[in-house]
PDB file of N, CA and C in Angstrom:
ATOM      1  N   MET A   1      21.427 -38.488  32.654  1.00  0.00           N
ATOM      2  CA  MET A   1      22.050 -38.981  31.454  1.00  0.00           C
ATOM      3  C   MET A   1      22.538 -40.412  31.714  1.00  0.00           C
ATOM      4  N   ASN A   2      22.196 -41.305  30.809  1.00  0.00           N
ATOM      5  CA  ASN A   2      22.676 -42.674  30.973  1.00  0.00           C
ATOM      6  C   ASN A   2      24.004 -42.845  30.229  1.00  0.00           C
ATOM      7  N   GLN A   3      24.593 -44.025  30.358  1.00  0.00           N
ATOM      8  CA  GLN A   3      25.912 -44.258  29.791  1.00  0.00           C
ATOM      9  C   GLN A   3      25.925 -44.085  28.269  1.00  0.00           C
ATOM     10  N   ARG A   4      24.909 -44.581  27.624  1.00  0.00           N
ATOM     11  CA  ARG A   4      24.841 -44.467  26.161  1.00  0.00           C
ATOM     12  C   ARG A   4      24.768 -42.999  25.725  1.00  0.00           C
ATOM     13  N   GLN A   5      23.987 -42.197  26.424  1.00  0.00           N
ATOM     14  CA  GLN A   5      23.867 -40.781  26.100  1.00  0.00           C
ATOM     15  C   GLN A   5      25.202 -40.061  26.295  1.00  0.00           C
ATOM     16  N   VAL A   6      25.913 -40.430  27.358  1.00  0.00           N
ATOM     17  CA  VAL A   6      27.215 -39.827  27.614  1.00  0.00           C
ATOM     18  C   VAL A   6      28.181 -40.193  26.487  1.00  0.00           C
ATOM     19  N   GLU A   7      28.199 -41.459  26.099  1.00  0.00           N
ATOM     20  CA  GLU A   7      29.082 -41.908  25.020  1.00  0.00           C
ATOM     21  C   GLU A   7      28.755 -41.185  23.710  1.00  0.00           C
ATOM     22  N   ASN A   8      27.479 -41.031  23.410  1.00  0.00           N
ATOM     23  CA  ASN A   8      27.061 -40.325  22.192  1.00  0.00           C
ATOM     24  C   ASN A   8      27.467 -38.852  22.237  1.00  0.00           C
ATOM     25  N   ALA A   9      27.292 -38.225  23.395  1.00  0.00           N
ATOM     26  CA  ALA A   9      27.663 -36.817  23.540  1.00  0.00           C
ATOM     27  C   ALA A   9      29.169 -36.643  23.372  1.00  0.00           C
ATOM     28  N   ILE A  10      29.951 -37.564  23.918  1.00  0.00           N
ATOM     29  CA  ILE A  10      31.405 -37.504  23.768  1.00  0.00           C
ATOM     30  C   ILE A  10      31.781 -37.631  22.297  1.00  0.00           C
ATOM     31  N   ALA A  11      31.180 -38.564  21.605  1.00  0.00           N
ATOM     32  CA  ALA A  11      31.475 -38.763  20.186  1.00  0.00           C
ATOM     33  C   ALA A  11      31.148 -37.509  19.372  1.00  0.00           C
ATOM     34  N   GLU A  12      30.019 -36.892  19.665  1.00  0.00           N
ATOM     35  CA  GLU A  12      29.631 -35.668  18.954  1.00  0.00           C
ATOM     36  C   GLU A  12      30.619 -34.538  19.212  1.00  0.00           C
ATOM     37  N   LEU A  13      30.995 -34.370  20.490  1.00  0.00           N
ATOM     38  CA  LEU A  13      31.925 -33.304  20.829  1.00  0.00           C
ATOM     39  C   LEU A  13      33.289 -33.534  20.188  1.00  0.00           C
ATOM     40  N   LYS A  14      33.712 -34.776  20.116  1.00  0.00           N
ATOM     41  CA  LYS A  14      34.993 -35.066  19.471  1.00  0.00           C
ATOM     42  C   LYS A  14      34.952 -34.693  17.995  1.00  0.00           C
ATOM     43  N   MET A  15      33.848 -34.990  17.339  1.00  0.00           N
ATOM     44  CA  MET A  15      33.714 -34.616  15.929  1.00  0.00           C
ATOM     45  C   MET A  15      33.708 -33.095  15.764  1.00  0.00           C
ATOM     46  N   ASP A  16      32.974 -32.414  16.630  1.00  0.00           N
ATOM     47  CA  ASP A  16      32.956 -30.948  16.599  1.00  0.00           C
ATOM     48  C   ASP A  16      34.369 -30.391  16.805  1.00  0.00           C
ATOM     49  N   TYR A  17      35.094 -30.993  17.733  1.00  0.00           N
ATOM     50  CA  TYR A  17      36.449 -30.556  18.054  1.00  0.00           C
ATOM     51  C   TYR A  17      37.355 -30.702  16.833  1.00  0.00           C
ATOM     52  N   ILE A  18      37.293 -31.852  16.195  1.00  0.00           N
ATOM     53  CA  ILE A  18      38.131 -32.105  15.017  1.00  0.00           C
ATOM     54  C   ILE A  18      37.784 -31.131  13.889  1.00  0.00           C
ATOM     55  N   ASN A  19      36.495 -30.923  13.668  1.00  0.00           N
ATOM     56  CA  ASN A  19      36.066 -29.987  12.619  1.00  0.00           C
ATOM     57  C   ASN A  19      36.531 -28.571  12.922  1.00  0.00           C
ATOM     58  N   LEU A  20      36.439 -28.174  14.185  1.00  0.00           N
ATOM     59  CA  LEU A  20      36.840 -26.834  14.576  1.00  0.00           C
ATOM     60  C   LEU A  20      38.349 -26.646  14.422  1.00  0.00           C
ATOM     61  N   GLN A  21      39.113 -27.675  14.719  1.00  0.00           N
ATOM     62  CA  GLN A  21      40.555 -27.588  14.508  1.00  0.00           C
ATOM     63  C   GLN A  21      40.868 -27.337  13.029  1.00  0.00           C
ATOM     64  N   GLY A  22      40.174 -28.022  12.154  1.00  0.00           N
ATOM     65  CA  GLY A  22      40.361 -27.802  10.719  1.00  0.00           C
ATOM     66  C   GLY A  22      39.978 -26.393  10.309  1.00  0.00           C
ATOM     67  N   ASP A  23      38.886 -25.902  10.886  1.00  0.00           N
ATOM     68  CA  ASP A  23      38.457 -24.541  10.579  1.00  0.00           C
ATOM     69  C   ASP A  23      39.498 -23.524  11.039  1.00  0.00           C
ATOM     70  N   ILE A  24      40.084 -23.767  12.200  1.00  0.00           N
ATOM     71  CA  ILE A  24      41.105 -22.847  12.719  1.00  0.00           C
ATOM     72  C   ILE A  24      42.301 -22.807  11.776  1.00  0.00           C
ATOM     73  N   GLU A  25      42.715 -23.963  11.291  1.00  0.00           N
ATOM     74  CA  GLU A  25      43.840 -24.001  10.351  1.00  0.00           C
ATOM     75  C   GLU A  25      43.531 -23.187   9.100  1.00  0.00           C
ATOM     76  N   LYS A  26      42.323 -23.310   8.605  1.00  0.00           N
ATOM     77  CA  LYS A  26      41.933 -22.548   7.415  1.00  0.00           C
ATOM     78  C   LYS A  26      41.916 -21.052   7.721  1.00  0.00           C
ATOM     79  N   LEU A  27      41.364 -20.684   8.871  1.00  0.00           N
ATOM     80  CA  LEU A  27      41.293 -19.274   9.248  1.00  0.00           C
ATOM     81  C   LEU A  27      42.685 -18.682   9.445  1.00  0.00           C
ATOM     82  N   GLU A  28      43.577 -19.464  10.045  1.00  0.00           N
ATOM     83  CA  GLU A  28      44.939 -18.977  10.241  1.00  0.00           C
ATOM     84  C   GLU A  28      45.621 -18.719   8.900  1.00  0.00           C
ATOM     85  N   SER A  29      45.370 -19.569   7.943  1.00  0.00           N
ATOM     86  CA  SER A  29      46.016 -19.412   6.637  1.00  0.00           C
ATOM     87  C   SER A  29      45.498 -18.196   5.878  1.00  0.00           C
ATOM     88  N   THR A  30      44.282 -17.756   6.214  1.00  0.00           N
ATOM     89  CA  THR A  30      43.722 -16.580   5.539  1.00  0.00           C
ATOM     90  C   THR A  30      43.910 -15.302   6.337  1.00  0.00           C
ATOM     91  N   GLY A  31      44.459 -15.411   7.549  1.00  0.00           N
ATOM     92  CA  GLY A  31      44.750 -14.226   8.354  1.00  0.00           C
ATOM     93  C   GLY A  31      43.556 -13.637   9.085  1.00  0.00           C
ATOM     94  N   ASN A  32      42.543 -14.420   9.346  1.00  0.00           N
ATOM     95  CA  ASN A  32      41.367 -13.942  10.081  1.00  0.00           C
ATOM     96  C   ASN A  32      41.560 -14.135  11.583  1.00  0.00           C
ATOM     97  N   ASP A  33      42.413 -13.289  12.169  1.00  0.00           N
ATOM     98  CA  ASP A  33      42.795 -13.470  13.569  1.00  0.00           C
ATOM     99  C   ASP A  33      41.623 -13.367  14.544  1.00  0.00           C
ATOM    100  N   SER A  34      40.678 -12.501  14.282  1.00  0.00           N
ATOM    101  CA  SER A  34      39.550 -12.372  15.214  1.00  0.00           C
ATOM    102  C   SER A  34      38.702 -13.642  15.219  1.00  0.00           C
ATOM    103  N   PHE A  35      38.543 -14.246  14.067  1.00  0.00           N
ATOM    104  CA  PHE A  35      37.788 -15.496  13.991  1.00  0.00           C
ATOM    105  C   PHE A  35      38.575 -16.654  14.615  1.00  0.00           C
ATOM    106  N   VAL A  36      39.902 -16.612  14.451  1.00  0.00           N
ATOM    107  CA  VAL A  36      40.755 -17.643  15.049  1.00  0.00           C
ATOM    108  C   VAL A  36      40.605 -17.594  16.563  1.00  0.00           C
ATOM    109  N   HIS A  37      40.640 -16.395  17.117  1.00  0.00           N
ATOM    110  CA  HIS A  37      40.513 -16.253  18.569  1.00  0.00           C
ATOM    111  C   HIS A  37      39.172 -16.803  19.063  1.00  0.00           C
ATOM    112  N   LYS A  38      38.108 -16.468  18.370  1.00  0.00           N
ATOM    113  CA  LYS A  38      36.785 -16.971  18.755  1.00  0.00           C
ATOM    114  C   LYS A  38      36.729 -18.495  18.658  1.00  0.00           C
ATOM    115  N   ALA A  39      37.319 -19.043  17.624  1.00  0.00           N
ATOM    116  CA  ALA A  39      37.329 -20.493  17.449  1.00  0.00           C
ATOM    117  C   ALA A  39      38.161 -21.167  18.538  1.00  0.00           C
ATOM    118  N   GLU A  40      39.259 -20.537  18.928  1.00  0.00           N
ATOM    119  CA  GLU A  40      40.089 -21.099  20.001  1.00  0.00           C
ATOM    120  C   GLU A  40      39.337 -21.095  21.330  1.00  0.00           C
ATOM    121  N   LEU A  41      38.544 -20.064  21.557  1.00  0.00           N
ATOM    122  CA  LEU A  41      37.722 -20.028  22.770  1.00  0.00           C
ATOM    123  C   LEU A  41      36.696 -21.158  22.751  1.00  0.00           C
ATOM    124  N   ARG A  42      36.135 -21.405  21.586  1.00  0.00           N
ATOM    125  CA  ARG A  42      35.178 -22.508  21.427  1.00  0.00           C
ATOM    126  C   ARG A  42      35.866 -23.854  21.676  1.00  0.00           C
ATOM    127  N   LEU A  43      37.107 -24.001  21.214  1.00  0.00           N
ATOM    128  CA  LEU A  43      37.857 -25.228  21.469  1.00  0.00           C
ATOM    129  C   LEU A  43      38.037 -25.447  22.972  1.00  0.00           C
ATOM    130  N   ALA A  44      38.361 -24.389  23.679  1.00  0.00           N
ATOM    131  CA  ALA A  44      38.541 -24.496  25.128  1.00  0.00           C
ATOM    132  C   ALA A  44      37.236 -24.922  25.797  1.00  0.00           C
ATOM    133  N   LYS A  45      36.125 -24.393  25.317  1.00  0.00           N
ATOM    134  CA  LYS A  45      34.827 -24.773  25.870  1.00  0.00           C
ATOM    135  C   LYS A  45      34.532 -26.248  25.596  1.00  0.00           C
ATOM    136  N   LEU A  46      34.841 -26.696  24.384  1.00  0.00           N
ATOM    137  CA  LEU A  46      34.631 -28.104  24.044  1.00  0.00           C
ATOM    138  C   LEU A  46      35.502 -29.006  24.923  1.00  0.00           C
ATOM    139  N   GLU A  47      36.732 -28.583  25.181  1.00  0.00           N
ATOM    140  CA  GLU A  47      37.621 -29.371  26.036  1.00  0.00           C
ATOM    141  C   GLU A  47      37.045 -29.507  27.440  1.00  0.00           C
ATOM    142  N   ALA A  48      36.479 -28.422  27.957  1.00  0.00           N
ATOM    143  CA  ALA A  48      35.874 -28.463  29.288  1.00  0.00           C
ATOM    144  C   ALA A  48      34.657 -29.390  29.299  1.00  0.00           C
ATOM    145  N   GLU A  49      33.844 -29.314  28.255  1.00  0.00           N
ATOM    146  CA  GLU A  49      32.667 -30.189  28.165  1.00  0.00           C
ATOM    147  C   GLU A  49      33.090 -31.654  28.074  1.00  0.00           C
ATOM    148  N   LEU A  50      34.135 -31.918  27.292  1.00  0.00           N
ATOM    149  CA  LEU A  50      34.632 -33.295  27.175  1.00  0.00           C
ATOM    150  C   LEU A  50      35.152 -33.813  28.515  1.00  0.00           C
ATOM    151  N   ALA A  51      35.823 -32.957  29.249  1.00  0.00           N
ATOM    152  CA  ALA A  51      36.340 -33.364  30.559  1.00  0.00           C
ATOM    153  C   ALA A  51      35.193 -33.750  31.488  1.00  0.00           C
ATOM    154  N   GLU A  52      34.138 -32.964  31.474  1.00  0.00           N
ATOM    155  CA  GLU A  52      32.976 -33.269  32.321  1.00  0.00           C
ATOM    156  C   GLU A  52      32.316 -34.580  31.914  1.00  0.00           C
ATOM    157  N   LEU A  53      32.157 -34.767  30.623  1.00  0.00           N
ATOM    158  CA  LEU A  53      31.535 -35.998  30.140  1.00  0.00           C
ATOM    159  C   LEU A  53      32.410 -37.219  30.428  1.00  0.00           C
ATOM    160  N   ASN A  54      33.716 -37.049  30.337  1.00  0.00           N
ATOM    161  CA  ASN A  54      34.604 -38.161  30.669  1.00  0.00           C
ATOM    162  C   ASN A  54      34.510 -38.528  32.142  1.00  0.00           C
ATOM    163  N   LYS A  55      34.302 -37.533  33.002  1.00  0.00           N
ATOM    164  CA  LYS A  55      34.087 -37.811  34.425  1.00  0.00           C
ATOM    165  C   LYS A  55      32.807 -38.620  34.622  1.00  0.00           C
ATOM    166  N   LYS A  56      31.757 -38.207  33.915  1.00  0.00           N
ATOM    167  CA  LYS A  56      30.493 -38.931  34.014  1.00  0.00           C
ATOM    168  C   LYS A  56      30.640 -40.362  33.504  1.00  0.00           C
ATOM    169  N   ARG A  57      31.388 -40.519  32.409  1.00  0.00           N
ATOM    170  CA  ARG A  57      31.594 -41.846  31.858  1.00  0.00           C
ATOM    171  C   ARG A  57      32.349 -42.728  32.850  1.00  0.00           C
ATOM    172  N   ALA A  58      33.307 -42.149  33.537  1.00  0.00           N
ATOM    173  CA  ALA A  58      34.082 -42.900  34.521  1.00  0.00           C
ATOM    174  C   ALA A  58      33.209 -43.375  35.676  1.00  0.00           C
ATOM    175  N   GLU A  59      32.164 -42.632  35.985  1.00  0.00           N
ATOM    176  CA  GLU A  59      31.243 -43.036  37.056  1.00  0.00           C
ATOM    177  C   GLU A  59      30.471 -44.298  36.699  1.00  0.00           C
ATOM    178  N   PHE A  60      30.286 -44.538  35.424  1.00  0.00           N
ATOM    179  CA  PHE A  60      29.556 -45.725  34.981  1.00  0.00           C
ATOM    180  C   PHE A  60      30.435 -46.976  34.998  1.00  0.00           C
ATOM    181  N   GLU A  61      31.724 -46.777  35.006  1.00  0.00           N
ATOM    182  CA  GLU A  61      32.641 -47.930  34.939  1.00  0.00           C
ATOM    183  C   GLU A  61      32.956 -48.473  36.308  1.00  0.00           C
TER     184      GLU A  61
END
């Protein structure tokens, strides 16, 4: 992966993260706890992916 690809992947994951946070808020307001839990697990996965990509980005600097 080159630097541009890493930057693009980070941008995509950030957008996914923001969208998922909004979805969680909506799910919480409707009381769909099982879906909230699944979405929170997905958020944790996105955070881990972002951390890895940020490490890769730091290698380019």
